[in-house]
Amino acid sequence: MTTISIRLEDQDKRALDSMCSDMGMSLSTFFTIYAKRALRDRKIPFEVTAPEDPFYSEKNMKWLDASWKQIEEGKVITKTLDELEAMTNA
């Protein structure tokens, strides 16, 4: 094993840390994956992506569309804040 030092701008390092965390890995794992893949394929770049923002997932977008349709069709129940609070205290 050997140790490699890499210089990155602080903001790039923080962003890369965050992205790797979203993928469930450390920076060390990220660079190891990168090196092994580059050696295997004998080329760069390659793509490793972070998960999509769950708000924009296909499932959530369908749910939002269905909810909006219910609103447009008047199939909603509205309550005041006082009514909602009364429901929680019942």
PDB file of N, CA and C in Angstrom:
ATOM      1  N   MET A   1       0.834  -1.181   0.000  1.00  0.00           N
ATOM      2  CA  MET A   1       0.000   0.000   0.000  1.00  0.00           C
ATOM      3  C   MET A   1       0.878   1.242   0.000  1.00  0.00           C
ATOM      4  N   THR A   2       0.357   2.266  -0.653  1.00  0.00           N
ATOM      5  CA  THR A   2       1.056   3.539  -0.660  1.00  0.00           C
ATOM      6  C   THR A   2       0.066   4.644  -0.356  1.00  0.00           C
ATOM      7  N   THR A   3       0.564   5.775   0.071  1.00  0.00           N
ATOM      8  CA  THR A   3      -0.269   6.931   0.368  1.00  0.00           C
ATOM      9  C   THR A   3      -0.020   7.993  -0.680  1.00  0.00           C
ATOM     10  N   ILE A   4      -1.095   8.600  -1.166  1.00  0.00           N
ATOM     11  CA  ILE A   4      -1.011   9.660  -2.167  1.00  0.00           C
ATOM     12  C   ILE A   4      -1.663  10.911  -1.592  1.00  0.00           C
ATOM     13  N   SER A   5      -1.017  12.046  -1.756  1.00  0.00           N
ATOM     14  CA  SER A   5      -1.597  13.324  -1.350  1.00  0.00           C
ATOM     15  C   SER A   5      -2.121  14.034  -2.585  1.00  0.00           C
ATOM     16  N   ILE A   6      -3.316  14.568  -2.480  1.00  0.00           N
ATOM     17  CA  ILE A   6      -3.933  15.284  -3.604  1.00  0.00           C
ATOM     18  C   ILE A   6      -4.348  16.656  -3.107  1.00  0.00           C
ATOM     19  N   ARG A   7      -4.014  17.677  -3.876  1.00  0.00           N
ATOM     20  CA  ARG A   7      -4.405  19.032  -3.521  1.00  0.00           C
ATOM     21  C   ARG A   7      -5.677  19.396  -4.273  1.00  0.00           C
ATOM     22  N   LEU A   8      -6.690  19.822  -3.517  1.00  0.00           N
ATOM     23  CA  LEU A   8      -7.967  20.259  -4.078  1.00  0.00           C
ATOM     24  C   LEU A   8      -8.354  21.579  -3.436  1.00  0.00           C
ATOM     25  N   GLU A   9      -9.104  22.367  -4.162  1.00  0.00           N
ATOM     26  CA  GLU A   9      -9.679  23.565  -3.554  1.00  0.00           C
ATOM     27  C   GLU A   9     -10.587  23.109  -2.412  1.00  0.00           C
ATOM     28  N   ASP A  10     -10.652  23.900  -1.337  1.00  0.00           N
ATOM     29  CA  ASP A  10     -11.463  23.523  -0.176  1.00  0.00           C
ATOM     30  C   ASP A  10     -12.909  23.233  -0.563  1.00  0.00           C
ATOM     31  N   GLN A  11     -13.491  24.105  -1.393  1.00  0.00           N
ATOM     32  CA  GLN A  11     -14.899  23.926  -1.770  1.00  0.00           C
ATOM     33  C   GLN A  11     -15.092  22.660  -2.610  1.00  0.00           C
ATOM     34  N   ASP A  12     -14.106  22.321  -3.449  1.00  0.00           N
ATOM     35  CA  ASP A  12     -14.202  21.093  -4.242  1.00  0.00           C
ATOM     36  C   ASP A  12     -14.101  19.863  -3.349  1.00  0.00           C
ATOM     37  N   LYS A  13     -13.231  19.916  -2.345  1.00  0.00           N
ATOM     38  CA  LYS A  13     -13.090  18.796  -1.426  1.00  0.00           C
ATOM     39  C   LYS A  13     -14.373  18.584  -0.636  1.00  0.00           C
ATOM     40  N   ARG A  14     -14.977  19.679  -0.150  1.00  0.00           N
ATOM     41  CA  ARG A  14     -16.232  19.561   0.590  1.00  0.00           C
ATOM     42  C   ARG A  14     -17.337  18.987  -0.302  1.00  0.00           C
ATOM     43  N   ALA A  15     -17.403  19.463  -1.532  1.00  0.00           N
ATOM     44  CA  ALA A  15     -18.432  18.974  -2.462  1.00  0.00           C
ATOM     45  C   ALA A  15     -18.211  17.499  -2.787  1.00  0.00           C
ATOM     46  N   LEU A  16     -16.950  17.107  -2.990  1.00  0.00           N
ATOM     47  CA  LEU A  16     -16.638  15.707  -3.292  1.00  0.00           C
ATOM     48  C   LEU A  16     -16.918  14.819  -2.083  1.00  0.00           C
ATOM     49  N   ASP A  17     -16.581  15.290  -0.881  1.00  0.00           N
ATOM     50  CA  ASP A  17     -16.922  14.566   0.347  1.00  0.00           C
ATOM     51  C   ASP A  17     -18.425  14.316   0.425  1.00  0.00           C
ATOM     52  N   SER A  18     -19.199  15.353   0.149  1.00  0.00           N
ATOM     53  CA  SER A  18     -20.656  15.251   0.223  1.00  0.00           C
ATOM     54  C   SER A  18     -21.186  14.257  -0.802  1.00  0.00           C
ATOM     55  N   MET A  19     -20.697  14.350  -2.038  1.00  0.00           N
ATOM     56  CA  MET A  19     -21.139  13.436  -3.091  1.00  0.00           C
ATOM     57  C   MET A  19     -20.796  11.994  -2.731  1.00  0.00           C
ATOM     58  N   CYS A  20     -19.570  11.768  -2.263  1.00  0.00           N
ATOM     59  CA  CYS A  20     -19.160  10.413  -1.882  1.00  0.00           C
ATOM     60  C   CYS A  20     -20.028   9.899  -0.734  1.00  0.00           C
ATOM     61  N   SER A  21     -20.322  10.747   0.215  1.00  0.00           N
ATOM     62  CA  SER A  21     -21.181  10.362   1.327  1.00  0.00           C
ATOM     63  C   SER A  21     -22.560   9.951   0.818  1.00  0.00           C
ATOM     64  N   ASP A  22     -23.090  10.701  -0.161  1.00  0.00           N
ATOM     65  CA  ASP A  22     -24.385  10.353  -0.765  1.00  0.00           C
ATOM     66  C   ASP A  22     -24.353   8.969  -1.403  1.00  0.00           C
ATOM     67  N   MET A  23     -23.186   8.556  -1.869  1.00  0.00           N
ATOM     68  CA  MET A  23     -23.022   7.243  -2.492  1.00  0.00           C
ATOM     69  C   MET A  23     -22.582   6.178  -1.495  1.00  0.00           C
ATOM     70  N   GLY A  24     -22.408   6.573  -0.238  1.00  0.00           N
ATOM     71  CA  GLY A  24     -22.027   5.621   0.798  1.00  0.00           C
ATOM     72  C   GLY A  24     -20.566   5.220   0.776  1.00  0.00           C
ATOM     73  N   MET A  25     -19.698   6.134   0.358  1.00  0.00           N
ATOM     74  CA  MET A  25     -18.273   5.796   0.322  1.00  0.00           C
ATOM     75  C   MET A  25     -17.415   6.958   0.817  1.00  0.00           C
ATOM     76  N   SER A  26     -16.166   6.645   1.114  1.00  0.00           N
ATOM     77  CA  SER A  26     -15.203   7.655   1.537  1.00  0.00           C
ATOM     78  C   SER A  26     -14.460   8.194   0.308  1.00  0.00           C
ATOM     79  N   LEU A  27     -13.697   9.272   0.529  1.00  0.00           N
ATOM     80  CA  LEU A  27     -12.856   9.796  -0.557  1.00  0.00           C
ATOM     81  C   LEU A  27     -11.809   8.772  -0.977  1.00  0.00           C
ATOM     82  N   SER A  28     -11.253   8.046  -0.012  1.00  0.00           N
ATOM     83  CA  SER A  28     -10.260   7.028  -0.331  1.00  0.00           C
ATOM     84  C   SER A  28     -10.861   5.959  -1.243  1.00  0.00           C
ATOM     85  N   THR A  29     -12.080   5.522  -0.919  1.00  0.00           N
ATOM     86  CA  THR A  29     -12.762   4.528  -1.757  1.00  0.00           C
ATOM     87  C   THR A  29     -13.011   5.097  -3.145  1.00  0.00           C
ATOM     88  N   PHE A  30     -13.440   6.360  -3.221  1.00  0.00           N
ATOM     89  CA  PHE A  30     -13.691   7.010  -4.507  1.00  0.00           C
ATOM     90  C   PHE A  30     -12.437   6.966  -5.390  1.00  0.00           C
ATOM     91  N   PHE A  31     -11.300   7.373  -4.841  1.00  0.00           N
ATOM     92  CA  PHE A  31     -10.074   7.412  -5.641  1.00  0.00           C
ATOM     93  C   PHE A  31      -9.575   6.007  -5.986  1.00  0.00           C
ATOM     94  N   THR A  32      -9.797   5.045  -5.097  1.00  0.00           N
ATOM     95  CA  THR A  32      -9.422   3.664  -5.404  1.00  0.00           C
ATOM     96  C   THR A  32     -10.266   3.123  -6.551  1.00  0.00           C
ATOM     97  N   ILE A  33     -11.583   3.364  -6.504  1.00  0.00           N
ATOM     98  CA  ILE A  33     -12.473   2.942  -7.605  1.00  0.00           C
ATOM     99  C   ILE A  33     -12.026   3.588  -8.913  1.00  0.00           C
ATOM    100  N   TYR A  34     -11.746   4.884  -8.858  1.00  0.00           N
ATOM    101  CA  TYR A  34     -11.320   5.620 -10.050  1.00  0.00           C
ATOM    102  C   TYR A  34     -10.057   5.003 -10.643  1.00  0.00           C
ATOM    103  N   ALA A  35      -9.064   4.749  -9.797  1.00  0.00           N
ATOM    104  CA  ALA A  35      -7.782   4.214 -10.277  1.00  0.00           C
ATOM    105  C   ALA A  35      -7.949   2.815 -10.863  1.00  0.00           C
ATOM    106  N   LYS A  36      -8.677   1.950 -10.158  1.00  0.00           N
ATOM    107  CA  LYS A  36      -8.862   0.574 -10.646  1.00  0.00           C
ATOM    108  C   LYS A  36      -9.629   0.553 -11.961  1.00  0.00           C
ATOM    109  N   ARG A  37     -10.643   1.381 -12.079  1.00  0.00           N
ATOM    110  CA  ARG A  37     -11.432   1.423 -13.318  1.00  0.00           C
ATOM    111  C   ARG A  37     -10.589   1.965 -14.474  1.00  0.00           C
ATOM    112  N   ALA A  38      -9.819   3.007 -14.235  1.00  0.00           N
ATOM    113  CA  ALA A  38      -8.965   3.576 -15.282  1.00  0.00           C
ATOM    114  C   ALA A  38      -7.935   2.548 -15.744  1.00  0.00           C
ATOM    115  N   LEU A  39      -7.363   1.813 -14.798  1.00  0.00           N
ATOM    116  CA  LEU A  39      -6.386   0.783 -15.164  1.00  0.00           C
ATOM    117  C   LEU A  39      -7.042  -0.353 -15.945  1.00  0.00           C
ATOM    118  N   ARG A  40      -8.239  -0.764 -15.527  1.00  0.00           N
ATOM    119  CA  ARG A  40      -8.925  -1.868 -16.207  1.00  0.00           C
ATOM    120  C   ARG A  40      -9.331  -1.488 -17.630  1.00  0.00           C
ATOM    121  N   ASP A  41      -9.940  -0.286 -17.777  1.00  0.00           N
ATOM    122  CA  ASP A  41     -10.456   0.137 -19.085  1.00  0.00           C
ATOM    123  C   ASP A  41      -9.409   0.825 -19.952  1.00  0.00           C
ATOM    124  N   ARG A  42      -8.307   1.202 -19.318  1.00  0.00           N
ATOM    125  CA  ARG A  42      -7.233   1.916 -20.025  1.00  0.00           C
ATOM    126  C   ARG A  42      -7.758   3.212 -20.635  1.00  0.00           C
ATOM    127  N   LYS A  43      -8.687   3.864 -19.932  1.00  0.00           N
ATOM    128  CA  LYS A  43      -9.205   5.152 -20.403  1.00  0.00           C
ATOM    129  C   LYS A  43      -9.834   5.910 -19.241  1.00  0.00           C
ATOM    130  N   ILE A  44      -9.943   7.178 -19.417  1.00  0.00           N
ATOM    131  CA  ILE A  44     -10.708   8.054 -18.552  1.00  0.00           C
ATOM    132  C   ILE A  44     -11.402   9.066 -19.452  1.00  0.00           C
ATOM    133  N   PRO A  45     -12.465   9.649 -19.122  1.00  0.00           N
ATOM    134  CA  PRO A  45     -13.183   9.539 -17.856  1.00  0.00           C
ATOM    135  C   PRO A  45     -14.173   8.376 -17.855  1.00  0.00           C
ATOM    136  N   PHE A  46     -14.729   8.124 -16.677  1.00  0.00           N
ATOM    137  CA  PHE A  46     -15.833   7.187 -16.541  1.00  0.00           C
ATOM    138  C   PHE A  46     -16.839   7.823 -15.608  1.00  0.00           C
ATOM    139  N   GLU A  47     -18.030   7.263 -15.579  1.00  0.00           N
ATOM    140  CA  GLU A  47     -19.116   7.901 -14.851  1.00  0.00           C
ATOM    141  C   GLU A  47     -19.491   7.119 -13.593  1.00  0.00           C
ATOM    142  N   VAL A  48     -19.507   7.821 -12.466  1.00  0.00           N
ATOM    143  CA  VAL A  48     -20.079   7.329 -11.223  1.00  0.00           C
ATOM    144  C   VAL A  48     -21.017   8.442 -10.787  1.00  0.00           C
ATOM    145  N   THR A  49     -22.290   8.132 -10.584  1.00  0.00           N
ATOM    146  CA  THR A  49     -23.251   9.184 -10.281  1.00  0.00           C
ATOM    147  C   THR A  49     -23.835   9.025  -8.884  1.00  0.00           C
ATOM    148  N   ALA A  50     -24.213  10.150  -8.323  1.00  0.00           N
ATOM    149  CA  ALA A  50     -24.906  10.164  -7.035  1.00  0.00           C
ATOM    150  C   ALA A  50     -26.385   9.905  -7.286  1.00  0.00           C
ATOM    151  N   PRO A  51     -27.079   9.410  -6.269  1.00  0.00           N
ATOM    152  CA  PRO A  51     -28.512   9.184  -6.443  1.00  0.00           C
ATOM    153  C   PRO A  51     -29.244  10.477  -6.781  1.00  0.00           C
ATOM    154  N   GLU A  52     -30.302  10.329  -7.529  1.00  0.00           N
ATOM    155  CA  GLU A  52     -31.128  11.472  -7.903  1.00  0.00           C
ATOM    156  C   GLU A  52     -31.808  12.040  -6.666  1.00  0.00           C
ATOM    157  N   ASP A  53     -32.050  13.335  -6.680  1.00  0.00           N
ATOM    158  CA  ASP A  53     -32.799  13.981  -5.607  1.00  0.00           C
ATOM    159  C   ASP A  53     -34.163  13.306  -5.518  1.00  0.00           C
ATOM    160  N   PRO A  54     -34.524  12.738  -4.348  1.00  0.00           N
ATOM    161  CA  PRO A  54     -35.777  11.988  -4.249  1.00  0.00           C
ATOM    162  C   PRO A  54     -37.015  12.819  -4.566  1.00  0.00           C
ATOM    163  N   PHE A  55     -36.938  14.137  -4.407  1.00  0.00           N
ATOM    164  CA  PHE A  55     -38.098  14.965  -4.732  1.00  0.00           C
ATOM    165  C   PHE A  55     -38.456  14.830  -6.203  1.00  0.00           C
ATOM    166  N   TYR A  56     -37.453  14.706  -7.060  1.00  0.00           N
ATOM    167  CA  TYR A  56     -37.688  14.634  -8.497  1.00  0.00           C
ATOM    168  C   TYR A  56     -37.773  13.196  -9.016  1.00  0.00           C
ATOM    169  N   SER A  57     -37.871  12.222  -8.121  1.00  0.00           N
ATOM    170  CA  SER A  57     -37.979  10.836  -8.555  1.00  0.00           C
ATOM    171  C   SER A  57     -39.280  10.626  -9.318  1.00  0.00           C
ATOM    172  N   GLU A  58     -39.286   9.613 -10.160  1.00  0.00           N
ATOM    173  CA  GLU A  58     -40.474   9.322 -10.965  1.00  0.00           C
ATOM    174  C   GLU A  58     -41.678   9.058 -10.059  1.00  0.00           C
ATOM    175  N   LYS A  59     -41.469   8.308  -8.989  1.00  0.00           N
ATOM    176  CA  LYS A  59     -42.558   7.977  -8.065  1.00  0.00           C
ATOM    177  C   LYS A  59     -43.150   9.239  -7.437  1.00  0.00           C
ATOM    178  N   ASN A  60     -42.295  10.135  -6.964  1.00  0.00           N
ATOM    179  CA  ASN A  60     -42.793  11.350  -6.326  1.00  0.00           C
ATOM    180  C   ASN A  60     -43.472  12.273  -7.328  1.00  0.00           C
ATOM    181  N   MET A  61     -42.937  12.357  -8.553  1.00  0.00           N
ATOM    182  CA  MET A  61     -43.556  13.213  -9.560  1.00  0.00           C
ATOM    183  C   MET A  61     -44.956  12.703  -9.910  1.00  0.00           C
ATOM    184  N   LYS A  62     -45.143  11.383  -9.967  1.00  0.00           N
ATOM    185  CA  LYS A  62     -46.475  10.812 -10.215  1.00  0.00           C
ATOM    186  C   LYS A  62     -47.415  11.162  -9.065  1.00  0.00           C
ATOM    187  N   TRP A  63     -46.910  11.052  -7.843  1.00  0.00           N
ATOM    188  CA  TRP A  63     -47.719  11.380  -6.671  1.00  0.00           C
ATOM    189  C   TRP A  63     -48.122  12.849  -6.698  1.00  0.00           C
ATOM    190  N   LEU A  64     -47.198  13.732  -7.034  1.00  0.00           N
ATOM    191  CA  LEU A  64     -47.506  15.161  -7.107  1.00  0.00           C
ATOM    192  C   LEU A  64     -48.525  15.452  -8.205  1.00  0.00           C
ATOM    193  N   ASP A  65     -48.370  14.796  -9.366  1.00  0.00           N
ATOM    194  CA  ASP A  65     -49.340  14.979 -10.456  1.00  0.00           C
ATOM    195  C   ASP A  65     -50.735  14.533 -10.020  1.00  0.00           C
ATOM    196  N   ALA A  66     -50.827  13.378  -9.345  1.00  0.00           N
ATOM    197  CA  ALA A  66     -52.118  12.883  -8.871  1.00  0.00           C
ATOM    198  C   ALA A  66     -52.716  13.841  -7.843  1.00  0.00           C
ATOM    199  N   SER A  67     -51.867  14.357  -6.966  1.00  0.00           N
ATOM    200  CA  SER A  67     -52.347  15.302  -5.949  1.00  0.00           C
ATOM    201  C   SER A  67     -52.856  16.578  -6.604  1.00  0.00           C
ATOM    202  N   TRP A  68     -52.130  17.065  -7.571  1.00  0.00           N
ATOM    203  CA  TRP A  68     -52.545  18.290  -8.264  1.00  0.00           C
ATOM    204  C   TRP A  68     -53.872  18.066  -8.989  1.00  0.00           C
ATOM    205  N   LYS A  69     -54.056  16.893  -9.583  1.00  0.00           N
ATOM    206  CA  LYS A  69     -55.310  16.564 -10.270  1.00  0.00           C
ATOM    207  C   LYS A  69     -56.465  16.579  -9.268  1.00  0.00           C
ATOM    208  N   GLN A  70     -56.243  16.017  -8.065  1.00  0.00           N
ATOM    209  CA  GLN A  70     -57.283  16.038  -7.037  1.00  0.00           C
ATOM    210  C   GLN A  70     -57.641  17.469  -6.653  1.00  0.00           C
ATOM    211  N   ILE A  71     -56.650  18.326  -6.557  1.00  0.00           N
ATOM    212  CA  ILE A  71     -56.903  19.732  -6.228  1.00  0.00           C
ATOM    213  C   ILE A  71     -57.740  20.373  -7.322  1.00  0.00           C
ATOM    214  N   GLU A  72     -57.345  20.151  -8.572  1.00  0.00           N
ATOM    215  CA  GLU A  72     -58.087  20.741  -9.698  1.00  0.00           C
ATOM    216  C   GLU A  72     -59.527  20.242  -9.761  1.00  0.00           C
ATOM    217  N   GLU A  73     -59.762  18.990  -9.342  1.00  0.00           N
ATOM    218  CA  GLU A  73     -61.099  18.408  -9.373  1.00  0.00           C
ATOM    219  C   GLU A  73     -61.900  18.742  -8.109  1.00  0.00           C
ATOM    220  N   GLY A  74     -61.301  19.495  -7.202  1.00  0.00           N
ATOM    221  CA  GLY A  74     -61.997  19.875  -5.981  1.00  0.00           C
ATOM    222  C   GLY A  74     -62.131  18.749  -4.977  1.00  0.00           C
ATOM    223  N   LYS A  75     -61.312  17.730  -5.104  1.00  0.00           N
ATOM    224  CA  LYS A  75     -61.365  16.575  -4.200  1.00  0.00           C
ATOM    225  C   LYS A  75     -60.379  16.745  -3.043  1.00  0.00           C
ATOM    226  N   VAL A  76     -60.486  17.873  -2.374  1.00  0.00           N
ATOM    227  CA  VAL A  76     -59.599  18.131  -1.245  1.00  0.00           C
ATOM    228  C   VAL A  76     -60.434  18.569  -0.047  1.00  0.00           C
ATOM    229  N   ILE A  77     -59.913  18.337   1.108  1.00  0.00           N
ATOM    230  CA  ILE A  77     -60.549  18.790   2.341  1.00  0.00           C
ATOM    231  C   ILE A  77     -59.654  19.871   2.920  1.00  0.00           C
ATOM    232  N   THR A  78     -60.241  20.999   3.213  1.00  0.00           N
ATOM    233  CA  THR A  78     -59.452  22.083   3.802  1.00  0.00           C
ATOM    234  C   THR A  78     -59.845  22.246   5.256  1.00  0.00           C
ATOM    235  N   LYS A  79     -58.876  22.556   6.070  1.00  0.00           N
ATOM    236  CA  LYS A  79     -59.083  22.777   7.497  1.00  0.00           C
ATOM    237  C   LYS A  79     -58.245  23.976   7.912  1.00  0.00           C
ATOM    238  N   THR A  80     -58.765  24.697   8.881  1.00  0.00           N
ATOM    239  CA  THR A  80     -57.991  25.803   9.448  1.00  0.00           C
ATOM    240  C   THR A  80     -56.956  25.224  10.400  1.00  0.00           C
ATOM    241  N   LEU A  81     -56.010  26.044  10.791  1.00  0.00           N
ATOM    242  CA  LEU A  81     -55.001  25.608  11.748  1.00  0.00           C
ATOM    243  C   LEU A  81     -55.658  25.227  13.074  1.00  0.00           C
ATOM    244  N   ASP A  82     -56.660  26.003  13.485  1.00  0.00           N
ATOM    245  CA  ASP A  82     -57.363  25.682  14.733  1.00  0.00           C
ATOM    246  C   ASP A  82     -58.038  24.313  14.642  1.00  0.00           C
ATOM    247  N   GLU A  83     -58.647  24.014  13.506  1.00  0.00           N
ATOM    248  CA  GLU A  83     -59.298  22.709  13.323  1.00  0.00           C
ATOM    249  C   GLU A  83     -58.268  21.572  13.379  1.00  0.00           C
ATOM    250  N   LEU A  84     -57.129  21.769  12.746  1.00  0.00           N
ATOM    251  CA  LEU A  84     -56.086  20.743  12.778  1.00  0.00           C
ATOM    252  C   LEU A  84     -55.545  20.531  14.186  1.00  0.00           C
ATOM    253  N   GLU A  85     -55.334  21.619  14.899  1.00  0.00           N
ATOM    254  CA  GLU A  85     -54.841  21.512  16.277  1.00  0.00           C
ATOM    255  C   GLU A  85     -55.872  20.802  17.154  1.00  0.00           C
ATOM    256  N   ALA A  86     -57.146  21.084  16.941  1.00  0.00           N
ATOM    257  CA  ALA A  86     -58.199  20.430  17.710  1.00  0.00           C
ATOM    258  C   ALA A  86     -58.198  18.931  17.437  1.00  0.00           C
ATOM    259  N   MET A  87     -57.906  18.545  16.213  1.00  0.00           N
ATOM    260  CA  MET A  87     -57.858  17.114  15.847  1.00  0.00           C
ATOM    261  C   MET A  87     -56.716  16.407  16.588  1.00  0.00           C
ATOM    262  N   THR A  88     -55.600  17.079  16.766  1.00  0.00           N
ATOM    263  CA  THR A  88     -54.452  16.462  17.433  1.00  0.00           C
ATOM    264  C   THR A  88     -54.654  16.376  18.932  1.00  0.00           C
ATOM    265  N   ASN A  89     -55.493  17.248  19.476  1.00  0.00           N
ATOM    266  CA  ASN A  89     -55.750  17.253  20.914  1.00  0.00           C
ATOM    267  C   ASN A  89     -56.910  16.335  21.298  1.00  0.00           C
ATOM    268  N   ALA A  90     -57.588  15.779  20.327  1.00  0.00           N
ATOM    269  CA  ALA A  90     -58.763  14.957  20.632  1.00  0.00           C
ATOM    270  C   ALA A  90     -58.381  13.588  21.154  1.00  0.00           C
TER     271      ALA A  90
END
